[in-house]
Amino acid sequence: MISIQRGSQCGPFCFVEDAVALGLSFQVELELYEEAGLTPFQVLQSATIWPAERLGLESHLGTLVVGKLADIVVFDGDPLARIKDIRHITAVISNVRYITRDELLKPPARDN
């Protein structure tokens, strides 16, 4: 069995081809996995538990289980029914902080 991990061929330096932003390229890659025959559930696993297993970190991250580390993405839609719904992010919960879509789209503050 071949294990698929989203973005695993990127390496330490990731050069974005065709001027596709990294966030969008992540979404496009996941959509292509579905076109290649993976179910939406398998596509989500390719971005979560499968990489954690490959790195030997599945006891610490990769699934939503009490005691594990997690960032949570909130979607307007159901990516398990339609993987393209991953493009409709409404918020992210990271480091116990709820971050709205508007906050996510703000450019980072510059240090002068």
PDB file of N, CA and C in Angstrom:
ATOM      1  N   MET A   1       0.836  -1.184   0.000  1.00  0.00           N
ATOM      2  CA  MET A   1       0.000   0.000   0.000  1.00  0.00           C
ATOM      3  C   MET A   1       0.879   1.245   0.000  1.00  0.00           C
ATOM      4  N   ILE A   2       0.528   2.201  -0.797  1.00  0.00           N
ATOM      5  CA  ILE A   2       1.250   3.468  -0.846  1.00  0.00           C
ATOM      6  C   ILE A   2       0.560   4.447   0.090  1.00  0.00           C
ATOM      7  N   SER A   3       1.340   5.055   0.949  1.00  0.00           N
ATOM      8  CA  SER A   3       0.799   6.042   1.873  1.00  0.00           C
ATOM      9  C   SER A   3       0.901   7.423   1.241  1.00  0.00           C
ATOM     10  N   ILE A   4      -0.201   8.154   1.262  1.00  0.00           N
ATOM     11  CA  ILE A   4      -0.225   9.502   0.691  1.00  0.00           C
ATOM     12  C   ILE A   4      -0.290  10.505   1.825  1.00  0.00           C
ATOM     13  N   GLN A   5       0.629  11.464   1.816  1.00  0.00           N
ATOM     14  CA  GLN A   5       0.574  12.562   2.769  1.00  0.00           C
ATOM     15  C   GLN A   5       0.583  13.855   1.984  1.00  0.00           C
ATOM     16  N   ARG A   6      -0.368  14.676   2.231  1.00  0.00           N
ATOM     17  CA  ARG A   6      -0.495  15.940   1.527  1.00  0.00           C
ATOM     18  C   ARG A   6       0.762  16.778   1.712  1.00  0.00           C
ATOM     19  N   GLY A   7       1.332  17.247   0.590  1.00  0.00           N
ATOM     20  CA  GLY A   7       2.479  18.137   0.646  1.00  0.00           C
ATOM     21  C   GLY A   7       3.792  17.469   0.975  1.00  0.00           C
ATOM     22  N   SER A   8       3.838  16.151   0.976  1.00  0.00           N
ATOM     23  CA  SER A   8       5.051  15.455   1.418  1.00  0.00           C
ATOM     24  C   SER A   8       6.209  15.592   0.446  1.00  0.00           C
ATOM     25  N   GLN A   9       5.948  15.985  -0.786  1.00  0.00           N
ATOM     26  CA  GLN A   9       7.026  16.144  -1.748  1.00  0.00           C
ATOM     27  C   GLN A   9       7.594  17.561  -1.758  1.00  0.00           C
ATOM     28  N   CYS A  10       7.127  18.389  -0.873  1.00  0.00           N
ATOM     29  CA  CYS A  10       7.537  19.787  -0.859  1.00  0.00           C
ATOM     30  C   CYS A  10       8.971  19.960  -0.372  1.00  0.00           C
ATOM     31  N   GLY A  11       9.395  19.196   0.615  1.00  0.00           N
ATOM     32  CA  GLY A  11      10.743  19.325   1.143  1.00  0.00           C
ATOM     33  C   GLY A  11      10.886  20.548   2.026  1.00  0.00           C
ATOM     34  N   PRO A  12      12.130  20.859   2.446  1.00  0.00           N
ATOM     35  CA  PRO A  12      12.330  21.989   3.352  1.00  0.00           C
ATOM     36  C   PRO A  12      12.071  23.339   2.697  1.00  0.00           C
ATOM     37  N   PHE A  13      12.201  23.397   1.371  1.00  0.00           N
ATOM     38  CA  PHE A  13      11.937  24.639   0.641  1.00  0.00           C
ATOM     39  C   PHE A  13      10.869  24.343  -0.392  1.00  0.00           C
ATOM     40  N   CYS A  14       9.786  25.070  -0.342  1.00  0.00           N
ATOM     41  CA  CYS A  14       8.673  24.816  -1.246  1.00  0.00           C
ATOM     42  C   CYS A  14       8.542  25.994  -2.202  1.00  0.00           C
ATOM     43  N   PHE A  15       8.779  25.744  -3.471  1.00  0.00           N
ATOM     44  CA  PHE A  15       8.643  26.786  -4.471  1.00  0.00           C
ATOM     45  C   PHE A  15       7.267  26.661  -5.104  1.00  0.00           C
ATOM     46  N   VAL A  16       6.502  27.710  -5.042  1.00  0.00           N
ATOM     47  CA  VAL A  16       5.136  27.672  -5.535  1.00  0.00           C
ATOM     48  C   VAL A  16       5.154  27.876  -7.043  1.00  0.00           C
ATOM     49  N   GLU A  17       4.637  26.876  -7.748  1.00  0.00           N
ATOM     50  CA  GLU A  17       4.602  26.949  -9.201  1.00  0.00           C
ATOM     51  C   GLU A  17       3.390  27.740  -9.665  1.00  0.00           C
ATOM     52  N   ASP A  18       3.537  28.396 -10.778  1.00  0.00           N
ATOM     53  CA  ASP A  18       2.445  29.136 -11.398  1.00  0.00           C
ATOM     54  C   ASP A  18       1.802  30.154 -10.461  1.00  0.00           C
ATOM     55  N   ALA A  19       2.554  30.672  -9.526  1.00  0.00           N
ATOM     56  CA  ALA A  19       2.101  31.724  -8.608  1.00  0.00           C
ATOM     57  C   ALA A  19       0.840  31.333  -7.832  1.00  0.00           C
ATOM     58  N   VAL A  20       0.716  30.066  -7.490  1.00  0.00           N
ATOM     59  CA  VAL A  20      -0.415  29.612  -6.676  1.00  0.00           C
ATOM     60  C   VAL A  20      -0.024  29.761  -5.213  1.00  0.00           C
ATOM     61  N   ALA A  21      -0.844  30.440  -4.442  1.00  0.00           N
ATOM     62  CA  ALA A  21      -0.553  30.633  -3.021  1.00  0.00           C
ATOM     63  C   ALA A  21      -0.559  29.287  -2.308  1.00  0.00           C
ATOM     64  N   LEU A  22       0.284  29.168  -1.272  1.00  0.00           N
ATOM     65  CA  LEU A  22       0.399  27.894  -0.566  1.00  0.00           C
ATOM     66  C   LEU A  22      -0.933  27.396  -0.028  1.00  0.00           C
ATOM     67  N   GLY A  23      -1.746  28.249   0.559  1.00  0.00           N
ATOM     68  CA  GLY A  23      -3.042  27.807   1.079  1.00  0.00           C
ATOM     69  C   GLY A  23      -3.929  27.254  -0.019  1.00  0.00           C
ATOM     70  N   LEU A  24      -3.989  27.959  -1.142  1.00  0.00           N
ATOM     71  CA  LEU A  24      -4.806  27.503  -2.260  1.00  0.00           C
ATOM     72  C   LEU A  24      -4.219  26.243  -2.873  1.00  0.00           C
ATOM     73  N   SER A  25      -2.900  26.160  -2.978  1.00  0.00           N
ATOM     74  CA  SER A  25      -2.296  24.961  -3.566  1.00  0.00           C
ATOM     75  C   SER A  25      -2.596  23.739  -2.706  1.00  0.00           C
ATOM     76  N   PHE A  26      -2.673  23.922  -1.391  1.00  0.00           N
ATOM     77  CA  PHE A  26      -3.054  22.838  -0.480  1.00  0.00           C
ATOM     78  C   PHE A  26      -4.457  22.360  -0.820  1.00  0.00           C
ATOM     79  N   GLN A  27      -5.383  23.287  -0.991  1.00  0.00           N
ATOM     80  CA  GLN A  27      -6.765  22.935  -1.304  1.00  0.00           C
ATOM     81  C   GLN A  27      -6.862  22.253  -2.663  1.00  0.00           C
ATOM     82  N   VAL A  28      -6.162  22.790  -3.653  1.00  0.00           N
ATOM     83  CA  VAL A  28      -6.186  22.203  -4.995  1.00  0.00           C
ATOM     84  C   VAL A  28      -5.623  20.787  -4.960  1.00  0.00           C
ATOM     85  N   GLU A  29      -4.538  20.587  -4.234  1.00  0.00           N
ATOM     86  CA  GLU A  29      -3.947  19.252  -4.134  1.00  0.00           C
ATOM     87  C   GLU A  29      -4.947  18.265  -3.541  1.00  0.00           C
ATOM     88  N   LEU A  30      -5.651  18.659  -2.501  1.00  0.00           N
ATOM     89  CA  LEU A  30      -6.637  17.768  -1.893  1.00  0.00           C
ATOM     90  C   LEU A  30      -7.772  17.458  -2.868  1.00  0.00           C
ATOM     91  N   GLU A  31      -8.195  18.447  -3.632  1.00  0.00           N
ATOM     92  CA  GLU A  31      -9.243  18.227  -4.630  1.00  0.00           C
ATOM     93  C   GLU A  31      -8.769  17.248  -5.708  1.00  0.00           C
ATOM     94  N   LEU A  32      -7.504  17.336  -6.086  1.00  0.00           N
ATOM     95  CA  LEU A  32      -6.951  16.419  -7.088  1.00  0.00           C
ATOM     96  C   LEU A  32      -6.906  14.986  -6.571  1.00  0.00           C
ATOM     97  N   TYR A  33      -6.680  14.813  -5.278  1.00  0.00           N
ATOM     98  CA  TYR A  33      -6.716  13.460  -4.702  1.00  0.00           C
ATOM     99  C   TYR A  33      -8.093  12.831  -4.898  1.00  0.00           C
ATOM    100  N   GLU A  34      -9.136  13.639  -4.725  1.00  0.00           N
ATOM    101  CA  GLU A  34     -10.486  13.107  -4.940  1.00  0.00           C
ATOM    102  C   GLU A  34     -10.681  12.747  -6.410  1.00  0.00           C
ATOM    103  N   GLU A  35     -10.215  13.612  -7.309  1.00  0.00           N
ATOM    104  CA  GLU A  35     -10.322  13.318  -8.737  1.00  0.00           C
ATOM    105  C   GLU A  35      -9.568  12.043  -9.105  1.00  0.00           C
ATOM    106  N   ALA A  36      -8.508  11.740  -8.356  1.00  0.00           N
ATOM    107  CA  ALA A  36      -7.711  10.538  -8.615  1.00  0.00           C
ATOM    108  C   ALA A  36      -8.362   9.278  -8.047  1.00  0.00           C
ATOM    109  N   GLY A  37      -9.450   9.434  -7.276  1.00  0.00           N
ATOM    110  CA  GLY A  37     -10.172   8.263  -6.809  1.00  0.00           C
ATOM    111  C   GLY A  37     -10.301   8.094  -5.312  1.00  0.00           C
ATOM    112  N   LEU A  38      -9.658   8.957  -4.517  1.00  0.00           N
ATOM    113  CA  LEU A  38      -9.821   8.856  -3.071  1.00  0.00           C
ATOM    114  C   LEU A  38     -11.197   9.382  -2.672  1.00  0.00           C
ATOM    115  N   THR A  39     -11.757   8.828  -1.618  1.00  0.00           N
ATOM    116  CA  THR A  39     -13.011   9.357  -1.080  1.00  0.00           C
ATOM    117  C   THR A  39     -12.699  10.652  -0.329  1.00  0.00           C
ATOM    118  N   PRO A  40     -13.692  11.510  -0.110  1.00  0.00           N
ATOM    119  CA  PRO A  40     -13.429  12.711   0.685  1.00  0.00           C
ATOM    120  C   PRO A  40     -12.836  12.382   2.058  1.00  0.00           C
ATOM    121  N   PHE A  41     -13.282  11.297   2.679  1.00  0.00           N
ATOM    122  CA  PHE A  41     -12.736  10.902   3.977  1.00  0.00           C
ATOM    123  C   PHE A  41     -11.247  10.578   3.854  1.00  0.00           C
ATOM    124  N   GLN A  42     -10.867   9.837   2.819  1.00  0.00           N
ATOM    125  CA  GLN A  42      -9.456   9.515   2.606  1.00  0.00           C
ATOM    126  C   GLN A  42      -8.643  10.771   2.305  1.00  0.00           C
ATOM    127  N   VAL A  43      -9.242  11.701   1.572  1.00  0.00           N
ATOM    128  CA  VAL A  43      -8.556  12.963   1.275  1.00  0.00           C
ATOM    129  C   VAL A  43      -8.237  13.697   2.575  1.00  0.00           C
ATOM    130  N   LEU A  44      -9.211  13.775   3.478  1.00  0.00           N
ATOM    131  CA  LEU A  44      -8.974  14.444   4.761  1.00  0.00           C
ATOM    132  C   LEU A  44      -7.948  13.683   5.594  1.00  0.00           C
ATOM    133  N   GLN A  45      -7.963  12.367   5.515  1.00  0.00           N
ATOM    134  CA  GLN A  45      -6.954  11.576   6.216  1.00  0.00           C
ATOM    135  C   GLN A  45      -5.555  11.881   5.675  1.00  0.00           C
ATOM    136  N   SER A  46      -5.451  12.156   4.374  1.00  0.00           N
ATOM    137  CA  SER A  46      -4.140  12.443   3.772  1.00  0.00           C
ATOM    138  C   SER A  46      -3.533  13.738   4.300  1.00  0.00           C
ATOM    139  N   ALA A  47      -4.370  14.587   4.899  1.00  0.00           N
ATOM    140  CA  ALA A  47      -3.894  15.856   5.458  1.00  0.00           C
ATOM    141  C   ALA A  47      -3.821  15.834   6.977  1.00  0.00           C
ATOM    142  N   THR A  48      -4.218  14.706   7.583  1.00  0.00           N
ATOM    143  CA  THR A  48      -4.292  14.661   9.046  1.00  0.00           C
ATOM    144  C   THR A  48      -3.585  13.435   9.617  1.00  0.00           C
ATOM    145  N   ILE A  49      -4.281  12.321   9.692  1.00  0.00           N
ATOM    146  CA  ILE A  49      -3.746  11.151  10.385  1.00  0.00           C
ATOM    147  C   ILE A  49      -2.634  10.448   9.606  1.00  0.00           C
ATOM    148  N   TRP A  50      -2.734  10.375   8.278  1.00  0.00           N
ATOM    149  CA  TRP A  50      -1.695   9.653   7.532  1.00  0.00           C
ATOM    150  C   TRP A  50      -0.314  10.276   7.700  1.00  0.00           C
ATOM    151  N   PRO A  51      -0.159  11.605   7.588  1.00  0.00           N
ATOM    152  CA  PRO A  51       1.174  12.175   7.839  1.00  0.00           C
ATOM    153  C   PRO A  51       1.624  11.962   9.282  1.00  0.00           C
ATOM    154  N   ALA A  52       0.691  12.065  10.232  1.00  0.00           N
ATOM    155  CA  ALA A  52       1.050  11.843  11.641  1.00  0.00           C
ATOM    156  C   ALA A  52       1.574  10.422  11.833  1.00  0.00           C
ATOM    157  N   GLU A  53       0.912   9.448  11.210  1.00  0.00           N
ATOM    158  CA  GLU A  53       1.370   8.058  11.307  1.00  0.00           C
ATOM    159  C   GLU A  53       2.748   7.893  10.676  1.00  0.00           C
ATOM    160  N   ARG A  54       2.934   8.489   9.509  1.00  0.00           N
ATOM    161  CA  ARG A  54       4.216   8.370   8.793  1.00  0.00           C
ATOM    162  C   ARG A  54       5.364   8.944   9.624  1.00  0.00           C
ATOM    163  N   LEU A  55       5.075   9.996  10.371  1.00  0.00           N
ATOM    164  CA  LEU A  55       6.090  10.638  11.211  1.00  0.00           C
ATOM    165  C   LEU A  55       6.171  10.032  12.608  1.00  0.00           C
ATOM    166  N   GLY A  56       5.337   9.038  12.889  1.00  0.00           N
ATOM    167  CA  GLY A  56       5.338   8.408  14.204  1.00  0.00           C
ATOM    168  C   GLY A  56       4.745   9.283  15.291  1.00  0.00           C
ATOM    169  N   LEU A  57       3.882  10.218  14.912  1.00  0.00           N
ATOM    170  CA  LEU A  57       3.302  11.170  15.869  1.00  0.00           C
ATOM    171  C   LEU A  57       1.813  10.949  16.107  1.00  0.00           C
ATOM    172  N   GLU A  58       1.279   9.817  15.645  1.00  0.00           N
ATOM    173  CA  GLU A  58      -0.165   9.597  15.734  1.00  0.00           C
ATOM    174  C   GLU A  58      -0.699   9.556  17.163  1.00  0.00           C
ATOM    175  N   SER A  59       0.157   9.332  18.142  1.00  0.00           N
ATOM    176  CA  SER A  59      -0.324   9.369  19.530  1.00  0.00           C
ATOM    177  C   SER A  59      -0.423  10.806  20.045  1.00  0.00           C
ATOM    178  N   HIS A  60       0.097  11.764  19.281  1.00  0.00           N
ATOM    179  CA  HIS A  60       0.091  13.170  19.701  1.00  0.00           C
ATOM    180  C   HIS A  60      -0.794  14.062  18.832  1.00  0.00           C
ATOM    181  N   LEU A  61      -0.982  13.698  17.570  1.00  0.00           N
ATOM    182  CA  LEU A  61      -1.762  14.538  16.664  1.00  0.00           C
ATOM    183  C   LEU A  61      -2.295  13.718  15.499  1.00  0.00           C
ATOM    184  N   GLY A  62      -3.128  14.337  14.690  1.00  0.00           N
ATOM    185  CA  GLY A  62      -3.659  13.680  13.500  1.00  0.00           C
ATOM    186  C   GLY A  62      -5.139  13.348  13.573  1.00  0.00           C
ATOM    187  N   THR A  63      -5.685  13.264  14.781  1.00  0.00           N
ATOM    188  CA  THR A  63      -7.116  13.024  14.974  1.00  0.00           C
ATOM    189  C   THR A  63      -7.601  13.871  16.147  1.00  0.00           C
ATOM    190  N   LEU A  64      -8.903  14.114  16.183  1.00  0.00           N
ATOM    191  CA  LEU A  64      -9.489  14.880  17.288  1.00  0.00           C
ATOM    192  C   LEU A  64      -9.823  13.928  18.428  1.00  0.00           C
ATOM    193  N   VAL A  65      -8.906  13.841  19.369  1.00  0.00           N
ATOM    194  CA  VAL A  65      -9.047  12.966  20.531  1.00  0.00           C
ATOM    195  C   VAL A  65      -8.582  13.751  21.751  1.00  0.00           C
ATOM    196  N   VAL A  66      -9.283  13.586  22.864  1.00  0.00           N
ATOM    197  CA  VAL A  66      -8.897  14.265  24.101  1.00  0.00           C
ATOM    198  C   VAL A  66      -7.435  13.955  24.411  1.00  0.00           C
ATOM    199  N   GLY A  67      -6.667  15.011  24.680  1.00  0.00           N
ATOM    200  CA  GLY A  67      -5.260  14.861  25.033  1.00  0.00           C
ATOM    201  C   GLY A  67      -4.297  15.041  23.874  1.00  0.00           C
ATOM    202  N   LYS A  68      -4.809  15.058  22.632  1.00  0.00           N
ATOM    203  CA  LYS A  68      -3.937  15.267  21.478  1.00  0.00           C
ATOM    204  C   LYS A  68      -3.892  16.751  21.113  1.00  0.00           C
ATOM    205  N   LEU A  69      -2.821  17.152  20.455  1.00  0.00           N
ATOM    206  CA  LEU A  69      -2.700  18.505  19.920  1.00  0.00           C
ATOM    207  C   LEU A  69      -3.595  18.627  18.694  1.00  0.00           C
ATOM    208  N   ALA A  70      -4.200  19.789  18.513  1.00  0.00           N
ATOM    209  CA  ALA A  70      -5.045  19.961  17.332  1.00  0.00           C
ATOM    210  C   ALA A  70      -5.285  21.425  17.034  1.00  0.00           C
ATOM    211  N   ASP A  71      -5.265  21.750  15.763  1.00  0.00           N
ATOM    212  CA  ASP A  71      -5.840  22.980  15.249  1.00  0.00           C
ATOM    213  C   ASP A  71      -7.087  22.520  14.509  1.00  0.00           C
ATOM    214  N   ILE A  72      -8.153  23.273  14.604  1.00  0.00           N
ATOM    215  CA  ILE A  72      -9.420  22.869  14.004  1.00  0.00           C
ATOM    216  C   ILE A  72      -9.830  23.912  12.979  1.00  0.00           C
ATOM    217  N   VAL A  73     -10.212  23.447  11.796  1.00  0.00           N
ATOM    218  CA  VAL A  73     -10.704  24.328  10.744  1.00  0.00           C
ATOM    219  C   VAL A  73     -12.221  24.188  10.697  1.00  0.00           C
ATOM    220  N   VAL A  74     -12.926  25.328  10.697  1.00  0.00           N
ATOM    221  CA  VAL A  74     -14.385  25.346  10.631  1.00  0.00           C
ATOM    222  C   VAL A  74     -14.774  25.710   9.201  1.00  0.00           C
ATOM    223  N   PHE A  75     -15.568  24.846   8.576  1.00  0.00           N
ATOM    224  CA  PHE A  75     -15.974  25.056   7.187  1.00  0.00           C
ATOM    225  C   PHE A  75     -17.440  25.434   7.101  1.00  0.00           C
ATOM    226  N   ASP A  76     -17.783  26.218   6.091  1.00  0.00           N
ATOM    227  CA  ASP A  76     -19.174  26.461   5.730  1.00  0.00           C
ATOM    228  C   ASP A  76     -19.499  25.432   4.658  1.00  0.00           C
ATOM    229  N   GLY A  77     -19.894  24.260   5.082  1.00  0.00           N
ATOM    230  CA  GLY A  77     -20.157  23.158   4.168  1.00  0.00           C
ATOM    231  C   GLY A  77     -19.735  21.855   4.806  1.00  0.00           C
ATOM    232  N   ASP A  78     -19.733  20.804   4.014  1.00  0.00           N
ATOM    233  CA  ASP A  78     -19.408  19.470   4.511  1.00  0.00           C
ATOM    234  C   ASP A  78     -18.370  18.827   3.602  1.00  0.00           C
ATOM    235  N   PRO A  79     -17.077  18.944   3.949  1.00  0.00           N
ATOM    236  CA  PRO A  79     -16.043  18.364   3.097  1.00  0.00           C
ATOM    237  C   PRO A  79     -16.127  16.842   2.974  1.00  0.00           C
ATOM    238  N   LEU A  80     -16.814  16.179   3.900  1.00  0.00           N
ATOM    239  CA  LEU A  80     -16.990  14.728   3.766  1.00  0.00           C
ATOM    240  C   LEU A  80     -17.976  14.385   2.651  1.00  0.00           C
ATOM    241  N   ALA A  81     -18.847  15.324   2.309  1.00  0.00           N
ATOM    242  CA  ALA A  81     -19.785  15.126   1.210  1.00  0.00           C
ATOM    243  C   ALA A  81     -19.252  15.735  -0.087  1.00  0.00           C
ATOM    244  N   ARG A  82     -18.537  16.846   0.037  1.00  0.00           N
ATOM    245  CA  ARG A  82     -18.042  17.585  -1.135  1.00  0.00           C
ATOM    246  C   ARG A  82     -16.698  18.195  -0.760  1.00  0.00           C
ATOM    247  N   ILE A  83     -15.618  17.594  -1.217  1.00  0.00           N
ATOM    248  CA  ILE A  83     -14.275  18.012  -0.796  1.00  0.00           C
ATOM    249  C   ILE A  83     -13.995  19.475  -1.145  1.00  0.00           C
ATOM    250  N   LYS A  84     -14.631  20.007  -2.185  1.00  0.00           N
ATOM    251  CA  LYS A  84     -14.397  21.414  -2.544  1.00  0.00           C
ATOM    252  C   LYS A  84     -14.853  22.380  -1.453  1.00  0.00           C
ATOM    253  N   ASP A  85     -15.651  21.892  -0.503  1.00  0.00           N
ATOM    254  CA  ASP A  85     -16.073  22.751   0.610  1.00  0.00           C
ATOM    255  C   ASP A  85     -14.898  23.157   1.498  1.00  0.00           C
ATOM    256  N   ILE A  86     -13.732  22.541   1.329  1.00  0.00           N
ATOM    257  CA  ILE A  86     -12.555  22.973   2.095  1.00  0.00           C
ATOM    258  C   ILE A  86     -12.142  24.392   1.721  1.00  0.00           C
ATOM    259  N   ARG A  87     -12.648  24.885   0.605  1.00  0.00           N
ATOM    260  CA  ARG A  87     -12.354  26.268   0.202  1.00  0.00           C
ATOM    261  C   ARG A  87     -13.171  27.284   0.994  1.00  0.00           C
ATOM    262  N   HIS A  88     -14.179  26.824   1.722  1.00  0.00           N
ATOM    263  CA  HIS A  88     -15.087  27.721   2.445  1.00  0.00           C
ATOM    264  C   HIS A  88     -14.769  27.719   3.937  1.00  0.00           C
ATOM    265  N   ILE A  89     -13.606  28.227   4.283  1.00  0.00           N
ATOM    266  CA  ILE A  89     -13.173  28.296   5.680  1.00  0.00           C
ATOM    267  C   ILE A  89     -13.839  29.496   6.342  1.00  0.00           C
ATOM    268  N   THR A  90     -14.483  29.256   7.480  1.00  0.00           N
ATOM    269  CA  THR A  90     -15.099  30.367   8.212  1.00  0.00           C
ATOM    270  C   THR A  90     -14.293  30.755   9.439  1.00  0.00           C
ATOM    271  N   ALA A  91     -13.520  29.807   9.967  1.00  0.00           N
ATOM    272  CA  ALA A  91     -12.706  30.103  11.153  1.00  0.00           C
ATOM    273  C   ALA A  91     -11.705  28.975  11.376  1.00  0.00           C
ATOM    274  N   VAL A  92     -10.741  29.270  12.237  1.00  0.00           N
ATOM    275  CA  VAL A  92      -9.751  28.286  12.672  1.00  0.00           C
ATOM    276  C   VAL A  92      -9.637  28.414  14.185  1.00  0.00           C
ATOM    277  N   ILE A  93      -9.529  27.291  14.849  1.00  0.00           N
ATOM    278  CA  ILE A  93      -9.245  27.289  16.285  1.00  0.00           C
ATOM    279  C   ILE A  93      -7.816  26.789  16.430  1.00  0.00           C
ATOM    280  N   SER A  94      -6.950  27.654  16.941  1.00  0.00           N
ATOM    281  CA  SER A  94      -5.528  27.336  17.068  1.00  0.00           C
ATOM    282  C   SER A  94      -5.004  27.899  18.378  1.00  0.00           C
ATOM    283  N   ASN A  95      -4.277  27.079  19.109  1.00  0.00           N
ATOM    284  CA  ASN A  95      -3.741  27.504  20.410  1.00  0.00           C
ATOM    285  C   ASN A  95      -4.835  28.096  21.294  1.00  0.00           C
ATOM    286  N   VAL A  96      -5.972  27.440  21.335  1.00  0.00           N
ATOM    287  CA  VAL A  96      -7.128  27.828  22.146  1.00  0.00           C
ATOM    288  C   VAL A  96      -7.663  29.207  21.746  1.00  0.00           C
ATOM    289  N   ARG A  97      -7.443  29.601  20.526  1.00  0.00           N
ATOM    290  CA  ARG A  97      -7.914  30.904  20.045  1.00  0.00           C
ATOM    291  C   ARG A  97      -8.798  30.704  18.823  1.00  0.00           C
ATOM    292  N   TYR A  98      -9.966  31.316  18.817  1.00  0.00           N
ATOM    293  CA  TYR A  98     -10.893  31.269  17.694  1.00  0.00           C
ATOM    294  C   TYR A  98     -10.538  32.416  16.751  1.00  0.00           C
ATOM    295  N   ILE A  99     -10.162  32.085  15.525  1.00  0.00           N
ATOM    296  CA  ILE A  99      -9.717  33.085  14.554  1.00  0.00           C
ATOM    297  C   ILE A  99     -10.717  33.102  13.399  1.00  0.00           C
ATOM    298  N   THR A 100     -11.370  34.237  13.193  1.00  0.00           N
ATOM    299  CA  THR A 100     -12.379  34.346  12.137  1.00  0.00           C
ATOM    300  C   THR A 100     -11.720  34.425  10.763  1.00  0.00           C
ATOM    301  N   ARG A 101     -12.525  34.217   9.739  1.00  0.00           N
ATOM    302  CA  ARG A 101     -12.035  34.319   8.359  1.00  0.00           C
ATOM    303  C   ARG A 101     -11.445  35.706   8.098  1.00  0.00           C
ATOM    304  N   ASP A 102     -12.117  36.751   8.594  1.00  0.00           N
ATOM    305  CA  ASP A 102     -11.606  38.109   8.394  1.00  0.00           C
ATOM    306  C   ASP A 102     -10.215  38.270   8.997  1.00  0.00           C
ATOM    307  N   GLU A 103     -10.019  37.713  10.190  1.00  0.00           N
ATOM    308  CA  GLU A 103      -8.696  37.790  10.820  1.00  0.00           C
ATOM    309  C   GLU A 103      -7.662  37.000  10.023  1.00  0.00           C
ATOM    310  N   LEU A 104      -8.081  35.855   9.495  1.00  0.00           N
ATOM    311  CA  LEU A 104      -7.161  35.023   8.715  1.00  0.00           C
ATOM    312  C   LEU A 104      -6.692  35.735   7.449  1.00  0.00           C
ATOM    313  N   LEU A 105      -7.564  36.568   6.882  1.00  0.00           N
ATOM    314  CA  LEU A 105      -7.240  37.246   5.627  1.00  0.00           C
ATOM    315  C   LEU A 105      -6.445  38.534   5.810  1.00  0.00           C
ATOM    316  N   LYS A 106      -6.310  39.002   7.054  1.00  0.00           N
ATOM    317  CA  LYS A 106      -5.519  40.211   7.309  1.00  0.00           C
ATOM    318  C   LYS A 106      -4.047  39.923   7.061  1.00  0.00           C
ATOM    319  N   PRO A 107      -3.354  40.854   6.422  1.00  0.00           N
ATOM    320  CA  PRO A 107      -1.909  40.666   6.281  1.00  0.00           C
ATOM    321  C   PRO A 107      -1.232  40.720   7.648  1.00  0.00           C
ATOM    322  N   PRO A 108      -0.173  39.963   7.832  1.00  0.00           N
ATOM    323  CA  PRO A 108       0.518  39.993   9.125  1.00  0.00           C
ATOM    324  C   PRO A 108       1.122  41.363   9.401  1.00  0.00           C
ATOM    325  N   ALA A 109       1.178  41.726  10.666  1.00  0.00           N
ATOM    326  CA  ALA A 109       1.798  42.996  11.056  1.00  0.00           C
ATOM    327  C   ALA A 109       3.284  42.927  10.751  1.00  0.00           C
ATOM    328  N   ARG A 110       3.820  44.025  10.276  1.00  0.00           N
ATOM    329  CA  ARG A 110       5.250  44.078   9.949  1.00  0.00           C
ATOM    330  C   ARG A 110       6.029  44.658  11.104  1.00  0.00           C
ATOM    331  N   ASP A 111       7.162  44.060  11.369  1.00  0.00           N
ATOM    332  CA  ASP A 111       8.083  44.616  12.364  1.00  0.00           C
ATOM    333  C   ASP A 111       8.950  45.653  11.672  1.00  0.00           C
ATOM    334  N   ASN A 112       8.980  46.853  12.227  1.00  0.00           N
ATOM    335  CA  ASN A 112       9.809  47.911  11.616  1.00  0.00           C
ATOM    336  C   ASN A 112      11.012  48.191  12.452  1.00  0.00           C
TER     337      ASN A 112
END
